[in-house]
């Protein structure tokens, strides 16, 4: 009788521990924050040709071109 109680207790503890591993961590962080606007640049050498760091209109033009030609499946699947 005692051995059966120990087995049930152990099984319950394993079940509780395995279910507790499935919980999601609270997402309290807000990610990377920066006071600089995104078009100010990062100082990286890996930038799109034609984009000038700090120029908002150039930034918007590059985003528009990327959205239209690079990330639009309708324009990518058509024969050129």
Protein backbone atom coordinates (compact mmCIF):
# COMPACT_ATOMS: atom_id res chain seq x y z
CA UNK A 1 0.00 0.00 0.00
CA UNK A 2 2.80 2.39 0.91
CA UNK A 3 4.67 1.60 -2.31
CA UNK A 4 1.59 2.40 -4.39
CA UNK A 5 1.19 5.78 -2.66
CA UNK A 6 4.83 6.61 -3.37
CA UNK A 7 4.35 5.65 -7.05
CA UNK A 8 1.26 7.86 -7.38
CA UNK A 9 3.01 10.75 -5.67
CA UNK A 10 6.02 10.37 -7.94
CA UNK A 11 3.79 10.17 -11.04
CA UNK A 12 1.90 13.28 -9.95
CA UNK A 13 5.17 15.16 -9.37
CA UNK A 14 6.46 14.18 -12.82
CA UNK A 15 3.16 15.28 -14.40
CA UNK A 16 3.25 18.65 -12.63
CA UNK A 17 6.88 19.26 -13.59
CA UNK A 18 6.34 18.29 -17.21
CA UNK A 19 3.25 20.50 -17.51
CA UNK A 20 5.00 23.44 -15.88
CA UNK A 21 7.63 23.33 -18.62
CA UNK A 22 4.91 24.08 -21.17
CA UNK A 23 4.01 27.49 -19.80
CA UNK A 24 4.95 30.64 -21.67
CA UNK A 25 7.27 33.17 -20.12
CA UNK A 26 5.73 36.62 -19.62
CA UNK A 27 6.79 39.03 -22.32
CA UNK A 28 7.48 42.12 -20.29
CA UNK A 29 10.31 43.52 -22.42
CA UNK A 30 9.51 46.06 -25.07
CA UNK A 31 12.31 45.02 -27.41
CA UNK A 32 15.08 47.27 -28.58
CA UNK A 33 14.38 50.91 -27.95
CA UNK A 34 16.20 53.74 -29.59
CA UNK A 35 15.70 57.46 -29.57
CA UNK A 36 17.02 57.69 -33.13
CA UNK A 37 14.52 57.37 -35.97
CA UNK A 38 14.91 54.24 -38.12
CA UNK A 39 16.01 56.23 -41.15
CA UNK A 40 19.04 57.56 -39.23
CA UNK A 41 20.92 54.34 -39.98
CA UNK A 42 23.04 52.04 -37.88
CA UNK A 43 26.49 52.88 -39.18
CA UNK A 44 26.77 49.46 -40.88
CA UNK A 45 28.51 49.03 -44.20
CA UNK A 46 25.78 46.64 -45.35
CA UNK A 47 23.24 49.09 -46.70
CA UNK A 48 21.20 49.23 -49.87
CA UNK A 49 22.90 51.20 -52.65
CA UNK A 50 21.10 54.48 -53.21
CA UNK A 51 20.01 54.90 -49.60
CA UNK A 52 21.49 57.80 -47.70
CA UNK A 53 21.55 57.54 -43.92
CA UNK A 54 19.49 60.28 -42.26
CA UNK A 55 17.40 61.06 -45.36
CA UNK A 56 13.77 60.26 -44.58
CA UNK A 57 12.54 60.49 -48.18
CA UNK A 58 15.31 58.15 -49.35
CA UNK A 59 14.36 55.72 -46.55
CA UNK A 60 10.69 55.76 -47.55
CA UNK A 61 11.57 55.27 -51.23
CA UNK A 62 13.73 52.24 -50.39
CA UNK A 63 10.95 50.73 -48.25
CA UNK A 64 8.43 51.27 -51.01
CA UNK A 65 10.71 49.70 -53.62
CA UNK A 66 11.46 46.71 -51.38
CA UNK A 67 7.78 46.17 -50.65
CA UNK A 68 6.82 46.48 -54.29
CA UNK A 69 9.54 44.42 -55.97
CA UNK A 70 11.28 42.33 -53.34
CA UNK A 71 8.54 41.19 -50.99
CA UNK A 72 5.51 41.15 -53.29
CA UNK A 73 4.84 37.58 -54.44
CA UNK A 74 2.64 38.72 -57.30
CA UNK A 75 5.47 40.62 -58.94
CA UNK A 76 8.06 37.93 -58.18
CA UNK A 77 6.12 35.08 -59.81
CA UNK A 78 5.47 36.80 -63.11
CA UNK A 79 7.80 36.04 -66.01
CA UNK A 80 10.10 38.91 -66.77
